[in-house]
Full PDB file with SEQRES, HELIX, SHEET, SSBOND, CRYST1, ORIGX, SCALE, CONECT and MASTER records, all heavy atoms in Angstrom:
SEQRES   1 A   30  ILE VAL THR ASP VAL ILE ILE VAL ARG ASN ASP GLY THR          
SEQRES   2 A   30  LEU PHE CYS ALA SER MET SER ASP MET ALA GLU LYS TYR          
SEQRES   3 A   30  SER TYR GLY ILE                                              
HELIX    1 AA1 MET A   19  LYS A   25  1                                   7    
SHEET    1 AA1 2 ASP A   4  VAL A   8  0                                        
SHEET    2 AA1 2 LEU A  14  SER A  18 -1                                        
CRYST1    1.000    1.000    1.000  90.00  90.00  90.00 P 1           1          
ORIGX1      1.000000  0.000000  0.000000        0.00000                         
ORIGX2      0.000000  1.000000  0.000000        0.00000                         
ORIGX3      0.000000  0.000000  1.000000        0.00000                         
SCALE1      1.000000  0.000000  0.000000        0.00000                         
SCALE2      0.000000  1.000000  0.000000        0.00000                         
SCALE3      0.000000  0.000000  1.000000        0.00000                         
ATOM      1  N   ILE A   1    -123.649   1.971  57.972  1.00  0.00           N  
ATOM      2  CA  ILE A   1    -123.644   0.540  57.661  1.00  0.00           C  
ATOM      3  C   ILE A   1    -123.082   0.187  56.287  1.00  0.00           C  
ATOM      4  O   ILE A   1    -122.715  -0.954  56.058  1.00  0.00           O  
ATOM      5  CB  ILE A   1    -125.064  -0.060  57.786  1.00  0.00           C  
ATOM      6  CG1 ILE A   1    -126.054   0.673  56.874  1.00  0.00           C  
ATOM      7  CG2 ILE A   1    -125.535  -0.049  59.224  1.00  0.00           C  
ATOM      8  CD1 ILE A   1    -127.424   0.014  56.829  1.00  0.00           C  
ATOM      9  N   VAL A   2    -123.020   1.151  55.346  1.00  0.00           N  
ATOM     10  CA  VAL A   2    -122.611   0.782  53.993  1.00  0.00           C  
ATOM     11  C   VAL A   2    -121.112   0.533  53.929  1.00  0.00           C  
ATOM     12  O   VAL A   2    -120.316   1.183  54.602  1.00  0.00           O  
ATOM     13  CB  VAL A   2    -123.003   1.856  52.953  1.00  0.00           C  
ATOM     14  CG1 VAL A   2    -124.503   2.023  52.900  1.00  0.00           C  
ATOM     15  CG2 VAL A   2    -122.302   3.171  53.227  1.00  0.00           C  
ATOM     16  N   THR A   3    -120.739  -0.431  53.107  1.00  0.00           N  
ATOM     17  CA  THR A   3    -119.327  -0.699  52.826  1.00  0.00           C  
ATOM     18  C   THR A   3    -118.895  -0.042  51.529  1.00  0.00           C  
ATOM     19  O   THR A   3    -117.705   0.212  51.331  1.00  0.00           O  
ATOM     20  CB  THR A   3    -119.071  -2.206  52.725  1.00  0.00           C  
ATOM     21  OG1 THR A   3    -119.881  -2.765  51.669  1.00  0.00           O  
ATOM     22  CG2 THR A   3    -119.429  -2.907  54.038  1.00  0.00           C  
ATOM     23  N   ASP A   4    -119.868   0.209  50.639  1.00  0.00           N  
ATOM     24  CA  ASP A   4    -119.587   0.762  49.322  1.00  0.00           C  
ATOM     25  C   ASP A   4    -120.674   1.744  48.939  1.00  0.00           C  
ATOM     26  O   ASP A   4    -121.792   1.688  49.482  1.00  0.00           O  
ATOM     27  CB  ASP A   4    -119.540  -0.347  48.254  1.00  0.00           C  
ATOM     28  CG  ASP A   4    -118.532  -1.426  48.553  1.00  0.00           C  
ATOM     29  OD1 ASP A   4    -118.768  -2.245  49.472  1.00  0.00           O  
ATOM     30  OD2 ASP A   4    -117.492  -1.469  47.874  1.00  0.00           O  
ATOM     31  N   VAL A   5    -120.360   2.619  47.974  1.00  0.00           N  
ATOM     32  CA  VAL A   5    -121.378   3.521  47.436  1.00  0.00           C  
ATOM     33  C   VAL A   5    -121.464   3.363  45.925  1.00  0.00           C  
ATOM     34  O   VAL A   5    -120.467   3.091  45.246  1.00  0.00           O  
ATOM     35  CB  VAL A   5    -121.101   5.002  47.777  1.00  0.00           C  
ATOM     36  CG1 VAL A   5    -121.259   5.249  49.252  1.00  0.00           C  
ATOM     37  CG2 VAL A   5    -119.726   5.438  47.289  1.00  0.00           C  
ATOM     38  N   ILE A   6    -122.679   3.496  45.429  1.00  0.00           N  
ATOM     39  CA  ILE A   6    -122.941   3.610  43.991  1.00  0.00           C  
ATOM     40  C   ILE A   6    -123.658   4.939  43.814  1.00  0.00           C  
ATOM     41  O   ILE A   6    -124.728   5.144  44.390  1.00  0.00           O  
ATOM     42  CB  ILE A   6    -123.833   2.468  43.470  1.00  0.00           C  
ATOM     43  CG1 ILE A   6    -123.238   1.099  43.801  1.00  0.00           C  
ATOM     44  CG2 ILE A   6    -124.062   2.611  41.958  1.00  0.00           C  
ATOM     45  CD1 ILE A   6    -124.207  -0.052  43.559  1.00  0.00           C  
ATOM     46  N   ILE A   7    -123.074   5.827  43.052  1.00  0.00           N  
ATOM     47  CA  ILE A   7    -123.664   7.149  42.840  1.00  0.00           C  
ATOM     48  C   ILE A   7    -124.043   7.291  41.374  1.00  0.00           C  
ATOM     49  O   ILE A   7    -123.192   7.095  40.494  1.00  0.00           O  
ATOM     50  CB  ILE A   7    -122.696   8.270  43.252  1.00  0.00           C  
ATOM     51  CG1 ILE A   7    -122.365   8.159  44.746  1.00  0.00           C  
ATOM     52  CG2 ILE A   7    -123.288   9.648  42.942  1.00  0.00           C  
ATOM     53  CD1 ILE A   7    -121.308   9.135  45.226  1.00  0.00           C  
ATOM     54  N   VAL A   8    -125.314   7.592  41.125  1.00  0.00           N  
ATOM     55  CA  VAL A   8    -125.766   7.832  39.753  1.00  0.00           C  
ATOM     56  C   VAL A   8    -125.531   9.305  39.449  1.00  0.00           C  
ATOM     57  O   VAL A   8    -126.162  10.183  40.042  1.00  0.00           O  
ATOM     58  CB  VAL A   8    -127.255   7.475  39.574  1.00  0.00           C  
ATOM     59  CG1 VAL A   8    -127.656   7.636  38.107  1.00  0.00           C  
ATOM     60  CG2 VAL A   8    -127.535   6.051  40.052  1.00  0.00           C  
ATOM     61  N   ARG A   9    -124.607   9.573  38.532  1.00  0.00           N  
ATOM     62  CA  ARG A   9    -124.321  10.957  38.159  1.00  0.00           C  
ATOM     63  C   ARG A   9    -125.464  11.519  37.303  1.00  0.00           C  
ATOM     64  O   ARG A   9    -126.345  10.778  36.827  1.00  0.00           O  
ATOM     65  CB  ARG A   9    -123.009  11.025  37.370  1.00  0.00           C  
ATOM     66  CG  ARG A   9    -121.758  10.574  38.138  1.00  0.00           C  
ATOM     67  CD  ARG A   9    -120.537  10.872  37.297  1.00  0.00           C  
ATOM     68  NE  ARG A   9    -119.280  10.449  37.897  1.00  0.00           N  
ATOM     69  CZ  ARG A   9    -118.679   9.298  37.656  1.00  0.00           C  
ATOM     70  NH1 ARG A   9    -119.233   8.428  36.813  1.00  0.00           N  
ATOM     71  NH2 ARG A   9    -117.532   8.991  38.221  1.00  0.00           N  
ATOM     72  N   ASN A  10    -125.409  12.822  37.092  1.00  0.00           N  
ATOM     73  CA  ASN A  10    -126.467  13.491  36.333  1.00  0.00           C  
ATOM     74  C   ASN A  10    -126.551  13.015  34.886  1.00  0.00           C  
ATOM     75  O   ASN A  10    -127.619  13.105  34.264  1.00  0.00           O  
ATOM     76  CB  ASN A  10    -126.258  15.009  36.364  1.00  0.00           C  
ATOM     77  CG  ASN A  10    -126.351  15.577  37.763  1.00  0.00           C  
ATOM     78  OD1 ASN A  10    -126.965  14.975  38.647  1.00  0.00           O  
ATOM     79  ND2 ASN A  10    -125.730  16.725  37.993  1.00  0.00           N  
ATOM     80  N   ASP A  11    -125.433  12.508  34.330  1.00  0.00           N  
ATOM     81  CA  ASP A  11    -125.448  12.039  32.944  1.00  0.00           C  
ATOM     82  C   ASP A  11    -125.780  10.558  32.826  1.00  0.00           C  
ATOM     83  O   ASP A  11    -125.716   9.982  31.737  1.00  0.00           O  
ATOM     84  CB  ASP A  11    -124.104  12.333  32.262  1.00  0.00           C  
ATOM     85  CG  ASP A  11    -122.942  11.589  32.910  1.00  0.00           C  
ATOM     86  OD1 ASP A  11    -123.166  10.893  33.926  1.00  0.00           O  
ATOM     87  OD2 ASP A  11    -121.807  11.699  32.396  1.00  0.00           O  
ATOM     88  N   GLY A  12    -126.128   9.908  33.944  1.00  0.00           N  
ATOM     89  CA  GLY A  12    -126.514   8.508  33.914  1.00  0.00           C  
ATOM     90  C   GLY A  12    -125.375   7.534  34.122  1.00  0.00           C  
ATOM     91  O   GLY A  12    -125.617   6.327  34.227  1.00  0.00           O  
ATOM     92  N   THR A  13    -124.140   8.010  34.185  1.00  0.00           N  
ATOM     93  CA  THR A  13    -123.016   7.116  34.462  1.00  0.00           C  
ATOM     94  C   THR A  13    -122.942   6.838  35.964  1.00  0.00           C  
ATOM     95  O   THR A  13    -123.524   7.569  36.773  1.00  0.00           O  
ATOM     96  CB  THR A  13    -121.682   7.716  33.977  1.00  0.00           C  
ATOM     97  OG1 THR A  13    -121.467   8.972  34.641  1.00  0.00           O  
ATOM     98  CG2 THR A  13    -121.717   7.947  32.469  1.00  0.00           C  
ATOM     99  N   LEU A  14    -122.222   5.788  36.324  1.00  0.00           N  
ATOM    100  CA  LEU A  14    -122.128   5.386  37.717  1.00  0.00           C  
ATOM    101  C   LEU A  14    -120.737   5.633  38.281  1.00  0.00           C  
ATOM    102  O   LEU A  14    -119.730   5.432  37.595  1.00  0.00           O  
ATOM    103  CB  LEU A  14    -122.454   3.889  37.876  1.00  0.00           C  
ATOM    104  CG  LEU A  14    -123.824   3.389  37.418  1.00  0.00           C  
ATOM    105  CD1 LEU A  14    -123.973   1.921  37.797  1.00  0.00           C  
ATOM    106  CD2 LEU A  14    -124.950   4.221  38.007  1.00  0.00           C  
ATOM    107  N   PHE A  15    -120.708   6.063  39.523  1.00  0.00           N  
ATOM    108  CA  PHE A  15    -119.479   6.119  40.309  1.00  0.00           C  
ATOM    109  C   PHE A  15    -119.601   5.031  41.368  1.00  0.00           C  
ATOM    110  O   PHE A  15    -120.567   5.000  42.131  1.00  0.00           O  
ATOM    111  CB  PHE A  15    -119.321   7.484  40.967  1.00  0.00           C  
ATOM    112  CG  PHE A  15    -118.157   7.558  41.932  1.00  0.00           C  
ATOM    113  CD1 PHE A  15    -116.890   7.892  41.485  1.00  0.00           C  
ATOM    114  CD2 PHE A  15    -118.343   7.275  43.291  1.00  0.00           C  
ATOM    115  CE1 PHE A  15    -115.817   7.957  42.374  1.00  0.00           C  
ATOM    116  CE2 PHE A  15    -117.279   7.342  44.183  1.00  0.00           C  
ATOM    117  CZ  PHE A  15    -116.008   7.678  43.723  1.00  0.00           C  
ATOM    118  N   CYS A  16    -118.647   4.114  41.415  1.00  0.00           N  
ATOM    119  CA  CYS A  16    -118.687   3.006  42.365  1.00  0.00           C  
ATOM    120  C   CYS A  16    -117.358   2.943  43.116  1.00  0.00           C  
ATOM    121  O   CYS A  16    -116.291   2.962  42.491  1.00  0.00           O  
ATOM    122  CB  CYS A  16    -118.916   1.676  41.654  1.00  0.00           C  
ATOM    123  SG  CYS A  16    -120.361   1.639  40.561  1.00  0.00           S  
ATOM    124  N   ALA A  17    -117.422   2.866  44.430  1.00  0.00           N  
ATOM    125  CA  ALA A  17    -116.195   2.799  45.224  1.00  0.00           C  
ATOM    126  C   ALA A  17    -116.512   2.272  46.611  1.00  0.00           C  
ATOM    127  O   ALA A  17    -117.636   2.421  47.111  1.00  0.00           O  
ATOM    128  CB  ALA A  17    -115.550   4.183  45.336  1.00  0.00           C  
ATOM    129  N   SER A  18    -115.523   1.640  47.231  1.00  0.00           N  
ATOM    130  CA  SER A  18    -115.681   1.222  48.622  1.00  0.00           C  
ATOM    131  C   SER A  18    -115.347   2.398  49.523  1.00  0.00           C  
ATOM    132  O   SER A  18    -114.500   3.228  49.192  1.00  0.00           O  
ATOM    133  CB  SER A  18    -114.764   0.038  48.941  1.00  0.00           C  
ATOM    134  OG  SER A  18    -113.410   0.451  49.018  1.00  0.00           O  
ATOM    135  N   MET A  19    -115.990   2.469  50.658  1.00  0.00           N  
ATOM    136  CA  MET A  19    -115.740   3.566  51.587  1.00  0.00           C  
ATOM    137  C   MET A  19    -114.329   3.481  52.162  1.00  0.00           C  
ATOM    138  O   MET A  19    -113.709   4.504  52.455  1.00  0.00           O  
ATOM    139  CB  MET A  19    -116.779   3.541  52.715  1.00  0.00           C  
ATOM    140  CG  MET A  19    -118.201   3.858  52.264  1.00  0.00           C  
ATOM    141  SD  MET A  19    -118.351   5.452  51.407  1.00  0.00           S  
ATOM    142  CE  MET A  19    -117.929   6.592  52.730  1.00  0.00           C  
ATOM    143  N   SER A  20    -113.798   2.270  52.293  1.00  0.00           N  
ATOM    144  CA  SER A  20    -112.427   2.131  52.800  1.00  0.00           C  
ATOM    145  C   SER A  20    -111.420   2.684  51.803  1.00  0.00           C  
ATOM    146  O   SER A  20    -110.440   3.335  52.195  1.00  0.00           O  
ATOM    147  CB  SER A  20    -112.121   0.666  53.114  1.00  0.00           C  
ATOM    148  OG  SER A  20    -112.245  -0.143  51.962  1.00  0.00           O  
ATOM    149  N   ASP A  21    -111.668   2.454  50.503  1.00  0.00           N  
ATOM    150  CA  ASP A  21    -110.771   3.012  49.480  1.00  0.00           C  
ATOM    151  C   ASP A  21    -110.838   4.532  49.476  1.00  0.00           C  
ATOM    152  O   ASP A  21    -109.819   5.216  49.309  1.00  0.00           O  
ATOM    153  CB  ASP A  21    -111.141   2.480  48.094  1.00  0.00           C  
ATOM    154  CG  ASP A  21    -110.697   1.041  47.885  1.00  0.00           C  
ATOM    155  OD1 ASP A  21    -109.920   0.540  48.719  1.00  0.00           O  
ATOM    156  OD2 ASP A  21    -111.150   0.430  46.899  1.00  0.00           O  
ATOM    157  N   MET A  22    -112.021   5.086  49.659  1.00  0.00           N  
ATOM    158  CA  MET A  22    -112.172   6.534  49.674  1.00  0.00           C  
ATOM    159  C   MET A  22    -111.461   7.141  50.896  1.00  0.00           C  
ATOM    160  O   MET A  22    -110.841   8.202  50.799  1.00  0.00           O  
ATOM    161  CB  MET A  22    -113.662   6.906  49.700  1.00  0.00           C  
ATOM    162  CG  MET A  22    -114.413   6.578  48.410  1.00  0.00           C  
ATOM    163  SD  MET A  22    -113.853   7.559  46.968  1.00  0.00           S  
ATOM    164  CE  MET A  22    -112.681   6.406  46.214  1.00  0.00           C  
ATOM    165  N   ALA A  23    -111.538   6.451  52.044  1.00  0.00           N  
ATOM    166  CA  ALA A  23    -110.872   6.944  53.246  1.00  0.00           C  
ATOM    167  C   ALA A  23    -109.362   6.894  53.109  1.00  0.00           C  
ATOM    168  O   ALA A  23    -108.635   7.698  53.702  1.00  0.00           O  
ATOM    169  CB  ALA A  23    -111.323   6.137  54.454  1.00  0.00           C  
ATOM    170  N   GLU A  24    -108.883   5.949  52.315  1.00  0.00           N  
ATOM    171  CA  GLU A  24    -107.445   5.839  52.087  1.00  0.00           C  
ATOM    172  C   GLU A  24    -106.958   6.898  51.101  1.00  0.00           C  
ATOM    173  O   GLU A  24    -105.851   7.419  51.224  1.00  0.00           O  
ATOM    174  CB  GLU A  24    -107.113   4.446  51.557  1.00  0.00           C  
ATOM    175  CG  GLU A  24    -105.636   4.184  51.343  1.00  0.00           C  
ATOM    176  CD  GLU A  24    -105.361   2.776  50.878  1.00  0.00           C  
ATOM    177  OE1 GLU A  24    -106.104   1.855  51.281  1.00  0.00           O  
ATOM    178  OE2 GLU A  24    -104.406   2.585  50.107  1.00  0.00           O  
ATOM    179  N   LYS A  25    -107.816   7.233  50.144  1.00  0.00           N  
ATOM    180  CA  LYS A  25    -107.414   8.157  49.077  1.00  0.00           C  
ATOM    181  C   LYS A  25    -107.622   9.621  49.452  1.00  0.00           C  
ATOM    182  O   LYS A  25    -106.863  10.502  49.020  1.00  0.00           O  
ATOM    183  CB  LYS A  25    -108.201   7.827  47.811  1.00  0.00           C  
ATOM    184  CG  LYS A  25    -107.723   8.557  46.566  1.00  0.00           C  
ATOM    185  CD  LYS A  25    -108.422   8.020  45.325  1.00  0.00           C  
ATOM    186  CE  LYS A  25    -107.898   8.689  44.073  1.00  0.00           C  
ATOM    187  NZ  LYS A  25    -108.574   8.180  42.856  1.00  0.00           N  
ATOM    188  N   TYR A  26    -108.662   9.912  50.265  1.00  0.00           N  
ATOM    189  CA  TYR A  26    -109.004  11.293  50.590  1.00  0.00           C  
ATOM    190  C   TYR A  26    -109.066  11.486  52.102  1.00  0.00           C  
ATOM    191  O   TYR A  26    -109.276  10.543  52.863  1.00  0.00           O  
ATOM    192  CB  TYR A  26    -110.349  11.678  49.979  1.00  0.00           C  
ATOM    193  CG  TYR A  26    -110.423  11.478  48.485  1.00  0.00           C  
ATOM    194  CD1 TYR A  26    -111.166  10.432  47.944  1.00  0.00           C  
ATOM    195  CD2 TYR A  26    -109.739  12.326  47.611  1.00  0.00           C  
ATOM    196  CE1 TYR A  26    -111.233  10.245  46.574  1.00  0.00           C  
ATOM    197  CE2 TYR A  26    -109.798  12.137  46.238  1.00  0.00           C  
ATOM    198  CZ  TYR A  26    -110.538  11.095  45.726  1.00  0.00           C  
ATOM    199  OH  TYR A  26    -110.593  10.894  44.369  1.00  0.00           O  
ATOM    200  N   SER A  27    -108.886  12.733  52.521  1.00  0.00           N  
ATOM    201  CA  SER A  27    -109.040  13.092  53.928  1.00  0.00           C  
ATOM    202  C   SER A  27    -110.127  14.156  54.041  1.00  0.00           C  
ATOM    203  O   SER A  27    -110.280  15.005  53.166  1.00  0.00           O  
ATOM    204  CB  SER A  27    -107.727  13.611  54.508  1.00  0.00           C  
ATOM    205  OG  SER A  27    -107.333  14.821  53.878  1.00  0.00           O  
ATOM    206  N   TYR A  28    -110.868  14.095  55.142  1.00  0.00           N  
ATOM    207  CA  TYR A  28    -111.976  15.027  55.368  1.00  0.00           C  
ATOM    208  C   TYR A  28    -111.744  15.776  56.673  1.00  0.00           C  
ATOM    209  O   TYR A  28    -111.196  15.236  57.648  1.00  0.00           O  
ATOM    210  CB  TYR A  28    -113.300  14.267  55.446  1.00  0.00           C  
ATOM    211  CG  TYR A  28    -114.424  15.089  56.032  1.00  0.00           C  
ATOM    212  CD1 TYR A  28    -115.056  16.056  55.266  1.00  0.00           C  
ATOM    213  CD2 TYR A  28    -114.814  14.920  57.359  1.00  0.00           C  
ATOM    214  CE1 TYR A  28    -116.071  16.828  55.813  1.00  0.00           C  
ATOM    215  CE2 TYR A  28    -115.829  15.683  57.900  1.00  0.00           C  
ATOM    216  CZ  TYR A  28    -116.449  16.642  57.124  1.00  0.00           C  
ATOM    217  OH  TYR A  28    -117.447  17.409  57.666  1.00  0.00           O  
ATOM    218  N   GLY A  29    -112.158  17.039  56.711  1.00  0.00           N  
ATOM    219  CA  GLY A  29    -112.061  17.793  57.943  1.00  0.00           C  
ATOM    220  C   GLY A  29    -112.756  19.135  57.849  1.00  0.00           C  
ATOM    221  O   GLY A  29    -113.276  19.524  56.795  1.00  0.00           O  
ATOM    222  N   ILE A  30    -112.777  19.851  58.964  1.00  0.00           N  
ATOM    223  CA  ILE A  30    -113.301  21.207  59.044  1.00  0.00           C  
ATOM    224  C   ILE A  30    -112.107  22.152  59.024  1.00  0.00           C  
ATOM    225  O   ILE A  30    -111.137  21.969  59.771  1.00  0.00           O  
ATOM    226  CB  ILE A  30    -114.119  21.432  60.324  1.00  0.00           C  
ATOM    227  CG1 ILE A  30    -115.248  20.384  60.436  1.00  0.00           C  
ATOM    228  CG2 ILE A  30    -114.689  22.842  60.356  1.00  0.00           C  
ATOM    229  CD1 ILE A  30    -116.293  20.478  59.365  1.00  0.00           C  
TER     230      ILE A  30                                                      
MASTER        0    0    0    1    2    0    0    6  229    1    0    3          
END                                                                             
């Protein structure tokens, strides 16, 4: 259901991105 992710890194900084942008930038597979 999510459109975007916010990830709190170990140093307290944030990673923010839309899932559509990530799918456009990266590919996943086995």
